[in-house]
mmCIF file of all heavy atoms, coordinates in Angstrom:
data_MODEL
# 
_entry.id   MODEL 
# 
loop_
_atom_site.group_PDB 
_atom_site.id 
_atom_site.type_symbol 
_atom_site.label_atom_id 
_atom_site.label_alt_id 
_atom_site.label_comp_id 
_atom_site.label_asym_id 
_atom_site.label_entity_id 
_atom_site.label_seq_id 
_atom_site.pdbx_PDB_ins_code 
_atom_site.Cartn_x 
_atom_site.Cartn_y 
_atom_site.Cartn_z 
_atom_site.occupancy 
_atom_site.B_iso_or_equiv 
_atom_site.pdbx_formal_charge 
_atom_site.auth_seq_id 
_atom_site.auth_comp_id 
_atom_site.auth_asym_id 
_atom_site.auth_atom_id 
_atom_site.pdbx_PDB_model_num 
ATOM 1   N N   . LEU A 1 1  ? -9.552  -4.762  -32.833 1.00 0.00 ? 1  LEU A N   1 
ATOM 2   C CA  . LEU A 1 1  ? -10.201 -5.901  -32.052 1.00 0.00 ? 1  LEU A CA  1 
ATOM 3   C C   . LEU A 1 1  ? -9.148  -6.486  -31.107 1.00 0.00 ? 1  LEU A C   1 
ATOM 4   O O   . LEU A 1 1  ? -9.527  -6.770  -29.969 1.00 0.00 ? 1  LEU A O   1 
ATOM 5   C CB  . LEU A 1 1  ? -10.715 -6.938  -33.035 1.00 0.00 ? 1  LEU A CB  1 
ATOM 6   C CG  . LEU A 1 1  ? -11.951 -6.554  -33.847 1.00 0.00 ? 1  LEU A CG  1 
ATOM 7   C CD1 . LEU A 1 1  ? -12.244 -7.732  -34.820 1.00 0.00 ? 1  LEU A CD1 1 
ATOM 8   C CD2 . LEU A 1 1  ? -13.115 -6.280  -32.924 1.00 0.00 ? 1  LEU A CD2 1 
ATOM 9   N N   . ASP A 1 2  ? -7.920  -6.613  -31.522 1.00 0.00 ? 2  ASP A N   1 
ATOM 10  C CA  . ASP A 1 2  ? -6.899  -7.067  -30.615 1.00 0.00 ? 2  ASP A CA  1 
ATOM 11  C C   . ASP A 1 2  ? -6.705  -6.184  -29.447 1.00 0.00 ? 2  ASP A C   1 
ATOM 12  O O   . ASP A 1 2  ? -6.336  -6.616  -28.355 1.00 0.00 ? 2  ASP A O   1 
ATOM 13  C CB  . ASP A 1 2  ? -5.570  -7.368  -31.359 1.00 0.00 ? 2  ASP A CB  1 
ATOM 14  C CG  . ASP A 1 2  ? -5.633  -8.605  -32.229 1.00 0.00 ? 2  ASP A CG  1 
ATOM 15  O OD1 . ASP A 1 2  ? -6.508  -9.450  -31.952 1.00 0.00 ? 2  ASP A OD1 1 
ATOM 16  O OD2 . ASP A 1 2  ? -4.761  -8.727  -33.105 1.00 0.00 ? 2  ASP A OD2 1 
ATOM 17  N N   . THR A 1 3  ? -6.744  -4.788  -29.712 1.00 0.00 ? 3  THR A N   1 
ATOM 18  C CA  . THR A 1 3  ? -6.588  -3.884  -28.664 1.00 0.00 ? 3  THR A CA  1 
ATOM 19  C C   . THR A 1 3  ? -7.582  -4.061  -27.599 1.00 0.00 ? 3  THR A C   1 
ATOM 20  O O   . THR A 1 3  ? -7.350  -4.027  -26.419 1.00 0.00 ? 3  THR A O   1 
ATOM 21  C CB  . THR A 1 3  ? -6.572  -2.455  -29.256 1.00 0.00 ? 3  THR A CB  1 
ATOM 22  O OG1 . THR A 1 3  ? -5.537  -2.251  -30.196 1.00 0.00 ? 3  THR A OG1 1 
ATOM 23  C CG2 . THR A 1 3  ? -6.472  -1.432  -28.159 1.00 0.00 ? 3  THR A CG2 1 
ATOM 24  N N   . GLU A 1 4  ? -8.842  -4.177  -28.028 1.00 0.00 ? 4  GLU A N   1 
ATOM 25  C CA  . GLU A 1 4  ? -9.904  -4.404  -27.056 1.00 0.00 ? 4  GLU A CA  1 
ATOM 26  C C   . GLU A 1 4  ? -9.748  -5.700  -26.281 1.00 0.00 ? 4  GLU A C   1 
ATOM 27  O O   . GLU A 1 4  ? -9.849  -5.774  -25.078 1.00 0.00 ? 4  GLU A O   1 
ATOM 28  C CB  . GLU A 1 4  ? -11.277 -4.452  -27.778 1.00 0.00 ? 4  GLU A CB  1 
ATOM 29  C CG  . GLU A 1 4  ? -11.667 -3.075  -28.388 1.00 0.00 ? 4  GLU A CG  1 
ATOM 30  C CD  . GLU A 1 4  ? -13.105 -3.099  -28.917 1.00 0.00 ? 4  GLU A CD  1 
ATOM 31  O OE1 . GLU A 1 4  ? -14.009 -3.652  -28.236 1.00 0.00 ? 4  GLU A OE1 1 
ATOM 32  O OE2 . GLU A 1 4  ? -13.344 -2.562  -29.956 1.00 0.00 ? 4  GLU A OE2 1 
ATOM 33  N N   . LYS A 1 5  ? -9.475  -6.790  -27.051 1.00 0.00 ? 5  LYS A N   1 
ATOM 34  C CA  . LYS A 1 5  ? -9.417  -8.126  -26.419 1.00 0.00 ? 5  LYS A CA  1 
ATOM 35  C C   . LYS A 1 5  ? -8.263  -8.201  -25.398 1.00 0.00 ? 5  LYS A C   1 
ATOM 36  O O   . LYS A 1 5  ? -8.451  -8.948  -24.335 1.00 0.00 ? 5  LYS A O   1 
ATOM 37  C CB  . LYS A 1 5  ? -9.141  -9.152  -27.592 1.00 0.00 ? 5  LYS A CB  1 
ATOM 38  C CG  . LYS A 1 5  ? -9.024  -10.615 -27.022 1.00 0.00 ? 5  LYS A CG  1 
ATOM 39  C CD  . LYS A 1 5  ? -8.841  -11.572 -28.193 1.00 0.00 ? 5  LYS A CD  1 
ATOM 40  C CE  . LYS A 1 5  ? -7.501  -11.355 -28.920 1.00 0.00 ? 5  LYS A CE  1 
ATOM 41  N NZ  . LYS A 1 5  ? -7.372  -12.440 -29.965 1.00 0.00 ? 5  LYS A NZ  1 
ATOM 42  N N   . ASN A 1 6  ? -7.271  -7.445  -25.588 1.00 0.00 ? 6  ASN A N   1 
ATOM 43  C CA  . ASN A 1 6  ? -6.026  -7.570  -24.664 1.00 0.00 ? 6  ASN A CA  1 
ATOM 44  C C   . ASN A 1 6  ? -6.151  -6.560  -23.462 1.00 0.00 ? 6  ASN A C   1 
ATOM 45  O O   . ASN A 1 6  ? -5.206  -6.528  -22.671 1.00 0.00 ? 6  ASN A O   1 
ATOM 46  C CB  . ASN A 1 6  ? -4.798  -7.423  -25.476 1.00 0.00 ? 6  ASN A CB  1 
ATOM 47  C CG  . ASN A 1 6  ? -4.522  -8.560  -26.408 1.00 0.00 ? 6  ASN A CG  1 
ATOM 48  O OD1 . ASN A 1 6  ? -4.875  -9.709  -26.054 1.00 0.00 ? 6  ASN A OD1 1 
ATOM 49  N ND2 . ASN A 1 6  ? -3.857  -8.277  -27.549 1.00 0.00 ? 6  ASN A ND2 1 
ATOM 50  N N   . LEU A 1 7  ? -7.186  -5.768  -23.483 1.00 0.00 ? 7  LEU A N   1 
ATOM 51  C CA  . LEU A 1 7  ? -7.300  -4.850  -22.276 1.00 0.00 ? 7  LEU A CA  1 
ATOM 52  C C   . LEU A 1 7  ? -7.794  -5.584  -21.089 1.00 0.00 ? 7  LEU A C   1 
ATOM 53  O O   . LEU A 1 7  ? -8.648  -6.411  -21.158 1.00 0.00 ? 7  LEU A O   1 
ATOM 54  C CB  . LEU A 1 7  ? -8.330  -3.741  -22.645 1.00 0.00 ? 7  LEU A CB  1 
ATOM 55  C CG  . LEU A 1 7  ? -7.887  -2.593  -23.589 1.00 0.00 ? 7  LEU A CG  1 
ATOM 56  C CD1 . LEU A 1 7  ? -9.060  -1.796  -23.976 1.00 0.00 ? 7  LEU A CD1 1 
ATOM 57  C CD2 . LEU A 1 7  ? -6.842  -1.739  -22.901 1.00 0.00 ? 7  LEU A CD2 1 
ATOM 58  N N   . VAL A 1 8  ? -7.153  -5.238  -19.935 1.00 0.00 ? 8  VAL A N   1 
ATOM 59  C CA  . VAL A 1 8  ? -7.610  -5.851  -18.603 1.00 0.00 ? 8  VAL A CA  1 
ATOM 60  C C   . VAL A 1 8  ? -8.019  -4.784  -17.688 1.00 0.00 ? 8  VAL A C   1 
ATOM 61  O O   . VAL A 1 8  ? -7.234  -3.766  -17.447 1.00 0.00 ? 8  VAL A O   1 
ATOM 62  C CB  . VAL A 1 8  ? -6.402  -6.616  -17.976 1.00 0.00 ? 8  VAL A CB  1 
ATOM 63  C CG1 . VAL A 1 8  ? -6.816  -7.159  -16.629 1.00 0.00 ? 8  VAL A CG1 1 
ATOM 64  C CG2 . VAL A 1 8  ? -6.034  -7.826  -18.921 1.00 0.00 ? 8  VAL A CG2 1 
ATOM 65  N N   . LEU A 1 9  ? -9.283  -4.752  -17.159 1.00 0.00 ? 9  LEU A N   1 
ATOM 66  C CA  . LEU A 1 9  ? -9.782  -3.774  -16.293 1.00 0.00 ? 9  LEU A CA  1 
ATOM 67  C C   . LEU A 1 9  ? -9.679  -4.242  -14.869 1.00 0.00 ? 9  LEU A C   1 
ATOM 68  O O   . LEU A 1 9  ? -10.215 -5.271  -14.559 1.00 0.00 ? 9  LEU A O   1 
ATOM 69  C CB  . LEU A 1 9  ? -11.257 -3.508  -16.675 1.00 0.00 ? 9  LEU A CB  1 
ATOM 70  C CG  . LEU A 1 9  ? -12.032 -2.626  -15.679 1.00 0.00 ? 9  LEU A CG  1 
ATOM 71  C CD1 . LEU A 1 9  ? -11.437 -1.201  -15.543 1.00 0.00 ? 9  LEU A CD1 1 
ATOM 72  C CD2 . LEU A 1 9  ? -13.490 -2.585  -16.090 1.00 0.00 ? 9  LEU A CD2 1 
ATOM 73  N N   . ASP A 1 10 ? -9.063  -3.441  -14.016 1.00 0.00 ? 10 ASP A N   1 
ATOM 74  C CA  . ASP A 1 10 ? -9.054  -3.709  -12.561 1.00 0.00 ? 10 ASP A CA  1 
ATOM 75  C C   . ASP A 1 10 ? -10.077 -2.846  -11.916 1.00 0.00 ? 10 ASP A C   1 
ATOM 76  O O   . ASP A 1 10 ? -9.943  -1.619  -11.749 1.00 0.00 ? 10 ASP A O   1 
ATOM 77  C CB  . ASP A 1 10 ? -7.664  -3.372  -11.966 1.00 0.00 ? 10 ASP A CB  1 
ATOM 78  C CG  . ASP A 1 10 ? -7.506  -3.791  -10.580 1.00 0.00 ? 10 ASP A CG  1 
ATOM 79  O OD1 . ASP A 1 10 ? -8.444  -4.258  -9.975  1.00 0.00 ? 10 ASP A OD1 1 
ATOM 80  O OD2 . ASP A 1 10 ? -6.310  -3.595  -10.007 1.00 0.00 ? 10 ASP A OD2 1 
ATOM 81  N N   . LEU A 1 11 ? -11.267 -3.424  -11.614 1.00 0.00 ? 11 LEU A N   1 
ATOM 82  C CA  . LEU A 1 11 ? -12.419 -2.701  -11.117 1.00 0.00 ? 11 LEU A CA  1 
ATOM 83  C C   . LEU A 1 11 ? -12.414 -2.718  -9.627  1.00 0.00 ? 11 LEU A C   1 
ATOM 84  O O   . LEU A 1 11 ? -12.463 -3.703  -8.893  1.00 0.00 ? 11 LEU A O   1 
ATOM 85  C CB  . LEU A 1 11 ? -13.743 -3.489  -11.534 1.00 0.00 ? 11 LEU A CB  1 
ATOM 86  C CG  . LEU A 1 11 ? -15.023 -2.796  -11.299 1.00 0.00 ? 11 LEU A CG  1 
ATOM 87  C CD1 . LEU A 1 11 ? -15.046 -1.449  -12.096 1.00 0.00 ? 11 LEU A CD1 1 
ATOM 88  C CD2 . LEU A 1 11 ? -16.165 -3.724  -11.792 1.00 0.00 ? 11 LEU A CD2 1 
ATOM 89  N N   . GLY A 1 12 ? -12.230 -1.448  -9.025  1.00 0.00 ? 12 GLY A N   1 
ATOM 90  C CA  . GLY A 1 12 ? -11.988 -1.219  -7.647  1.00 0.00 ? 12 GLY A CA  1 
ATOM 91  C C   . GLY A 1 12 ? -10.479 -1.438  -7.377  1.00 0.00 ? 12 GLY A C   1 
ATOM 92  O O   . GLY A 1 12 ? -10.118 -2.118  -6.422  1.00 0.00 ? 12 GLY A O   1 
ATOM 93  N N   . CYS A 1 13 ? -9.716  -0.712  -8.207  1.00 0.00 ? 13 CYS A N   1 
ATOM 94  C CA  . CYS A 1 13 ? -8.233  -0.925  -8.171  1.00 0.00 ? 13 CYS A CA  1 
ATOM 95  C C   . CYS A 1 13 ? -7.560  -0.305  -6.941  1.00 0.00 ? 13 CYS A C   1 
ATOM 96  O O   . CYS A 1 13 ? -6.379  -0.587  -6.716  1.00 0.00 ? 13 CYS A O   1 
ATOM 97  C CB  . CYS A 1 13 ? -7.615  -0.338  -9.451  1.00 0.00 ? 13 CYS A CB  1 
ATOM 98  S SG  . CYS A 1 13 ? -7.841  1.461   -9.592  1.00 0.00 ? 13 CYS A SG  1 
ATOM 99  N N   . GLY A 1 14 ? -8.234  0.596   -6.184  1.00 0.00 ? 14 GLY A N   1 
ATOM 100 C CA  . GLY A 1 14 ? -7.613  1.179   -4.987  1.00 0.00 ? 14 GLY A CA  1 
ATOM 101 C C   . GLY A 1 14 ? -6.343  1.986   -5.384  1.00 0.00 ? 14 GLY A C   1 
ATOM 102 O O   . GLY A 1 14 ? -6.307  2.807   -6.293  1.00 0.00 ? 14 GLY A O   1 
ATOM 103 N N   . THR A 1 15 ? -5.252  1.700   -4.670  1.00 0.00 ? 15 THR A N   1 
ATOM 104 C CA  . THR A 1 15 ? -4.010  2.462   -4.835  1.00 0.00 ? 15 THR A CA  1 
ATOM 105 C C   . THR A 1 15 ? -3.206  1.860   -5.962  1.00 0.00 ? 15 THR A C   1 
ATOM 106 O O   . THR A 1 15 ? -2.022  2.237   -6.171  1.00 0.00 ? 15 THR A O   1 
ATOM 107 C CB  . THR A 1 15 ? -3.167  2.485   -3.559  1.00 0.00 ? 15 THR A CB  1 
ATOM 108 O OG1 . THR A 1 15 ? -2.870  1.119   -3.171  1.00 0.00 ? 15 THR A OG1 1 
ATOM 109 C CG2 . THR A 1 15 ? -3.976  3.152   -2.504  1.00 0.00 ? 15 THR A CG2 1 
ATOM 110 N N   . GLY A 1 16 ? -3.651  0.882   -6.704  1.00 0.00 ? 16 GLY A N   1 
ATOM 111 C CA  . GLY A 1 16 ? -3.019  0.422   -7.867  1.00 0.00 ? 16 GLY A CA  1 
ATOM 112 C C   . GLY A 1 16 ? -1.880  -0.589  -7.760  1.00 0.00 ? 16 GLY A C   1 
ATOM 113 O O   . GLY A 1 16 ? -1.183  -0.801  -8.721  1.00 0.00 ? 16 GLY A O   1 
ATOM 114 N N   . THR A 1 17 ? -1.734  -1.128  -6.586  1.00 0.00 ? 17 THR A N   1 
ATOM 115 C CA  . THR A 1 17 ? -0.612  -2.051  -6.385  1.00 0.00 ? 17 THR A CA  1 
ATOM 116 C C   . THR A 1 17 ? -0.764  -3.309  -7.284  1.00 0.00 ? 17 THR A C   1 
ATOM 117 O O   . THR A 1 17 ? 0.190   -3.654  -7.913  1.00 0.00 ? 17 THR A O   1 
ATOM 118 C CB  . THR A 1 17 ? -0.536  -2.518  -4.888  1.00 0.00 ? 17 THR A CB  1 
ATOM 119 O OG1 . THR A 1 17 ? -0.357  -1.357  -4.086  1.00 0.00 ? 17 THR A OG1 1 
ATOM 120 C CG2 . THR A 1 17 ? 0.639   -3.499  -4.755  1.00 0.00 ? 17 THR A CG2 1 
ATOM 121 N N   . LEU A 1 18 ? -1.910  -3.944  -7.293  1.00 0.00 ? 18 LEU A N   1 
ATOM 122 C CA  . LEU A 1 18 ? -2.179  -5.065  -8.116  1.00 0.00 ? 18 LEU A CA  1 
ATOM 123 C C   . LEU A 1 18 ? -2.183  -4.733  -9.574  1.00 0.00 ? 18 LEU A C   1 
ATOM 124 O O   . LEU A 1 18 ? -1.703  -5.452  -10.426 1.00 0.00 ? 18 LEU A O   1 
ATOM 125 C CB  . LEU A 1 18 ? -3.469  -5.789  -7.688  1.00 0.00 ? 18 LEU A CB  1 
ATOM 126 C CG  . LEU A 1 18 ? -3.807  -7.072  -8.462  1.00 0.00 ? 18 LEU A CG  1 
ATOM 127 C CD1 . LEU A 1 18 ? -2.735  -8.179  -8.103  1.00 0.00 ? 18 LEU A CD1 1 
ATOM 128 C CD2 . LEU A 1 18 ? -5.227  -7.557  -7.982  1.00 0.00 ? 18 LEU A CD2 1 
ATOM 129 N N   . THR A 1 19 ? -2.678  -3.598  -9.879  1.00 0.00 ? 19 THR A N   1 
ATOM 130 C CA  . THR A 1 19 ? -2.790  -3.069  -11.288 1.00 0.00 ? 19 THR A CA  1 
ATOM 131 C C   . THR A 1 19 ? -1.389  -3.005  -11.843 1.00 0.00 ? 19 THR A C   1 
ATOM 132 O O   . THR A 1 19 ? -1.131  -3.455  -12.953 1.00 0.00 ? 19 THR A O   1 
ATOM 133 C CB  . THR A 1 19 ? -3.429  -1.705  -11.355 1.00 0.00 ? 19 THR A CB  1 
ATOM 134 O OG1 . THR A 1 19 ? -4.513  -1.609  -10.423 1.00 0.00 ? 19 THR A OG1 1 
ATOM 135 C CG2 . THR A 1 19 ? -4.058  -1.446  -12.690 1.00 0.00 ? 19 THR A CG2 1 
ATOM 136 N N   . GLU A 1 20 ? -0.447  -2.379  -11.052 1.00 0.00 ? 20 GLU A N   1 
ATOM 137 C CA  . GLU A 1 20 ? 0.992   -2.242  -11.506 1.00 0.00 ? 20 GLU A CA  1 
ATOM 138 C C   . GLU A 1 20 ? 1.620   -3.678  -11.679 1.00 0.00 ? 20 GLU A C   1 
ATOM 139 O O   . GLU A 1 20 ? 2.304   -3.834  -12.674 1.00 0.00 ? 20 GLU A O   1 
ATOM 140 C CB  . GLU A 1 20 ? 1.708   -1.515  -10.493 1.00 0.00 ? 20 GLU A CB  1 
ATOM 141 C CG  . GLU A 1 20 ? 1.484   0.008   -10.463 1.00 0.00 ? 20 GLU A CG  1 
ATOM 142 C CD  . GLU A 1 20 ? 2.126   0.753   -11.632 1.00 0.00 ? 20 GLU A CD  1 
ATOM 143 O OE1 . GLU A 1 20 ? 2.925   0.121   -12.358 1.00 0.00 ? 20 GLU A OE1 1 
ATOM 144 O OE2 . GLU A 1 20 ? 1.819   1.987   -11.818 1.00 0.00 ? 20 GLU A OE2 1 
ATOM 145 N N   . LEU A 1 21 ? 1.316   -4.599  -10.853 1.00 0.00 ? 21 LEU A N   1 
ATOM 146 C CA  . LEU A 1 21 ? 1.913   -5.948  -10.972 1.00 0.00 ? 21 LEU A CA  1 
ATOM 147 C C   . LEU A 1 21 ? 1.439   -6.644  -12.193 1.00 0.00 ? 21 LEU A C   1 
ATOM 148 O O   . LEU A 1 21 ? 2.276   -7.303  -12.835 1.00 0.00 ? 21 LEU A O   1 
ATOM 149 C CB  . LEU A 1 21 ? 1.591   -6.793  -9.684  1.00 0.00 ? 21 LEU A CB  1 
ATOM 150 C CG  . LEU A 1 21 ? 2.327   -6.339  -8.420  1.00 0.00 ? 21 LEU A CG  1 
ATOM 151 C CD1 . LEU A 1 21 ? 1.815   -7.190  -7.190  1.00 0.00 ? 21 LEU A CD1 1 
ATOM 152 C CD2 . LEU A 1 21 ? 3.837   -6.501  -8.510  1.00 0.00 ? 21 LEU A CD2 1 
ATOM 153 N N   . LEU A 1 22 ? 0.185   -6.500  -12.500 1.00 0.00 ? 22 LEU A N   1 
ATOM 154 C CA  . LEU A 1 22 ? -0.295  -7.146  -13.756 1.00 0.00 ? 22 LEU A CA  1 
ATOM 155 C C   . LEU A 1 22 ? 0.230   -6.374  -15.027 1.00 0.00 ? 22 LEU A C   1 
ATOM 156 O O   . LEU A 1 22 ? 0.536   -6.999  -15.982 1.00 0.00 ? 22 LEU A O   1 
ATOM 157 C CB  . LEU A 1 22 ? -1.846  -7.151  -13.719 1.00 0.00 ? 22 LEU A CB  1 
ATOM 158 C CG  . LEU A 1 22 ? -2.486  -8.112  -12.757 1.00 0.00 ? 22 LEU A CG  1 
ATOM 159 C CD1 . LEU A 1 22 ? -3.987  -7.795  -12.646 1.00 0.00 ? 22 LEU A CD1 1 
ATOM 160 C CD2 . LEU A 1 22 ? -2.145  -9.535  -13.116 1.00 0.00 ? 22 LEU A CD2 1 
ATOM 161 N N   . TYR A 1 23 ? 0.420   -5.089  -14.851 1.00 0.00 ? 23 TYR A N   1 
ATOM 162 C CA  . TYR A 1 23 ? 1.052   -4.312  -15.985 1.00 0.00 ? 23 TYR A CA  1 
ATOM 163 C C   . TYR A 1 23 ? 2.474   -4.848  -16.215 1.00 0.00 ? 23 TYR A C   1 
ATOM 164 O O   . TYR A 1 23 ? 2.889   -5.017  -17.414 1.00 0.00 ? 23 TYR A O   1 
ATOM 165 C CB  . TYR A 1 23 ? 1.075   -2.877  -15.565 1.00 0.00 ? 23 TYR A CB  1 
ATOM 166 C CG  . TYR A 1 23 ? 1.780   -2.021  -16.678 1.00 0.00 ? 23 TYR A CG  1 
ATOM 167 C CD1 . TYR A 1 23 ? 1.119   -1.513  -17.817 1.00 0.00 ? 23 TYR A CD1 1 
ATOM 168 C CD2 . TYR A 1 23 ? 3.106   -1.665  -16.583 1.00 0.00 ? 23 TYR A CD2 1 
ATOM 169 C CE1 . TYR A 1 23 ? 1.718   -0.753  -18.729 1.00 0.00 ? 23 TYR A CE1 1 
ATOM 170 C CE2 . TYR A 1 23 ? 3.765   -0.854  -17.463 1.00 0.00 ? 23 TYR A CE2 1 
ATOM 171 C CZ  . TYR A 1 23 ? 3.059   -0.487  -18.620 1.00 0.00 ? 23 TYR A CZ  1 
ATOM 172 O OH  . TYR A 1 23 ? 3.667   0.232   -19.572 1.00 0.00 ? 23 TYR A OH  1 
ATOM 173 N N   . ARG A 1 24 ? 3.196   -5.147  -15.173 1.00 0.00 ? 24 ARG A N   1 
ATOM 174 C CA  . ARG A 1 24 ? 4.548   -5.692  -15.299 1.00 0.00 ? 24 ARG A CA  1 
ATOM 175 C C   . ARG A 1 24 ? 4.632   -7.009  -15.945 1.00 0.00 ? 24 ARG A C   1 
ATOM 176 O O   . ARG A 1 24 ? 5.597   -7.411  -16.594 1.00 0.00 ? 24 ARG A O   1 
ATOM 177 C CB  . ARG A 1 24 ? 5.250   -5.763  -13.942 1.00 0.00 ? 24 ARG A CB  1 
ATOM 178 C CG  . ARG A 1 24 ? 5.556   -4.411  -13.233 1.00 0.00 ? 24 ARG A CG  1 
ATOM 179 C CD  . ARG A 1 24 ? 6.192   -4.644  -11.888 1.00 0.00 ? 24 ARG A CD  1 
ATOM 180 N NE  . ARG A 1 24 ? 6.045   -3.510  -11.022 1.00 0.00 ? 24 ARG A NE  1 
ATOM 181 C CZ  . ARG A 1 24 ? 6.408   -3.534  -9.765  1.00 0.00 ? 24 ARG A CZ  1 
ATOM 182 N NH1 . ARG A 1 24 ? 6.811   -4.598  -9.216  1.00 0.00 ? 24 ARG A NH1 1 
ATOM 183 N NH2 . ARG A 1 24 ? 6.267   -2.440  -8.974  1.00 0.00 ? 24 ARG A NH2 1 
ATOM 184 N N   . LYS A 1 25 ? 3.486   -7.762  -15.874 1.00 0.00 ? 25 LYS A N   1 
ATOM 185 C CA  . LYS A 1 25 ? 3.378   -9.079  -16.567 1.00 0.00 ? 25 LYS A CA  1 
ATOM 186 C C   . LYS A 1 25 ? 3.010   -8.883  -18.005 1.00 0.00 ? 25 LYS A C   1 
ATOM 187 O O   . LYS A 1 25 ? 2.959   -9.904  -18.749 1.00 0.00 ? 25 LYS A O   1 
ATOM 188 C CB  . LYS A 1 25 ? 2.318   -9.927  -15.828 1.00 0.00 ? 25 LYS A CB  1 
ATOM 189 C CG  . LYS A 1 25 ? 2.798   -10.428 -14.481 1.00 0.00 ? 25 LYS A CG  1 
ATOM 190 C CD  . LYS A 1 25 ? 1.701   -11.308 -13.833 1.00 0.00 ? 25 LYS A CD  1 
ATOM 191 C CE  . LYS A 1 25 ? 2.205   -11.937 -12.540 1.00 0.00 ? 25 LYS A CE  1 
ATOM 192 N NZ  . LYS A 1 25 ? 3.253   -12.918 -12.777 1.00 0.00 ? 25 LYS A NZ  1 
ATOM 193 N N   . GLY A 1 26 ? 2.814   -7.650  -18.446 1.00 0.00 ? 26 GLY A N   1 
ATOM 194 C CA  . GLY A 1 26 ? 2.617   -7.417  -19.895 1.00 0.00 ? 26 GLY A CA  1 
ATOM 195 C C   . GLY A 1 26 ? 1.197   -7.143  -20.246 1.00 0.00 ? 26 GLY A C   1 
ATOM 196 O O   . GLY A 1 26 ? 0.891   -6.856  -21.398 1.00 0.00 ? 26 GLY A O   1 
ATOM 197 N N   . TYR A 1 27 ? 0.244   -7.086  -19.253 1.00 0.00 ? 27 TYR A N   1 
ATOM 198 C CA  . TYR A 1 27 ? -1.096  -6.792  -19.574 1.00 0.00 ? 27 TYR A CA  1 
ATOM 199 C C   . TYR A 1 27 ? -1.328  -5.326  -19.699 1.00 0.00 ? 27 TYR A C   1 
ATOM 200 O O   . TYR A 1 27 ? -0.718  -4.494  -19.059 1.00 0.00 ? 27 TYR A O   1 
ATOM 201 C CB  . TYR A 1 27 ? -2.016  -7.315  -18.492 1.00 0.00 ? 27 TYR A CB  1 
ATOM 202 C CG  . TYR A 1 27 ? -2.047  -8.956  -18.546 1.00 0.00 ? 27 TYR A CG  1 
ATOM 203 C CD1 . TYR A 1 27 ? -1.323  -9.567  -17.503 1.00 0.00 ? 27 TYR A CD1 1 
ATOM 204 C CD2 . TYR A 1 27 ? -2.745  -9.595  -19.450 1.00 0.00 ? 27 TYR A CD2 1 
ATOM 205 C CE1 . TYR A 1 27 ? -1.323  -10.983 -17.526 1.00 0.00 ? 27 TYR A CE1 1 
ATOM 206 C CE2 . TYR A 1 27 ? -2.742  -11.013 -19.474 1.00 0.00 ? 27 TYR A CE2 1 
ATOM 207 C CZ  . TYR A 1 27 ? -2.002  -11.679 -18.537 1.00 0.00 ? 27 TYR A CZ  1 
ATOM 208 O OH  . TYR A 1 27 ? -2.037  -13.065 -18.516 1.00 0.00 ? 27 TYR A OH  1 
ATOM 209 N N   . ASP A 1 28 ? -2.261  -5.005  -20.651 1.00 0.00 ? 28 ASP A N   1 
ATOM 210 C CA  . ASP A 1 28 ? -2.570  -3.597  -20.928 1.00 0.00 ? 28 ASP A CA  1 
ATOM 211 C C   . ASP A 1 28 ? -3.646  -3.229  -19.961 1.00 0.00 ? 28 ASP A C   1 
ATOM 212 O O   . ASP A 1 28 ? -4.872  -3.667  -20.153 1.00 0.00 ? 28 ASP A O   1 
ATOM 213 C CB  . ASP A 1 28 ? -3.073  -3.475  -22.436 1.00 0.00 ? 28 ASP A CB  1 
ATOM 214 C CG  . ASP A 1 28 ? -2.919  -2.104  -22.992 1.00 0.00 ? 28 ASP A CG  1 
ATOM 215 O OD1 . ASP A 1 28 ? -2.500  -1.234  -22.240 1.00 0.00 ? 28 ASP A OD1 1 
ATOM 216 O OD2 . ASP A 1 28 ? -3.370  -1.874  -24.098 1.00 0.00 ? 28 ASP A OD2 1 
# 
C-alpha cells in the first residue's frame, strides 16, 4: 500500500525534465 501511495505519475511527461527534478526530490 505504501508503494502505491508514494508513486507519482507525470502525465504528459515529454522529455522528462520535470520528472527527473521530482525524482531528485525523492519521489518515486
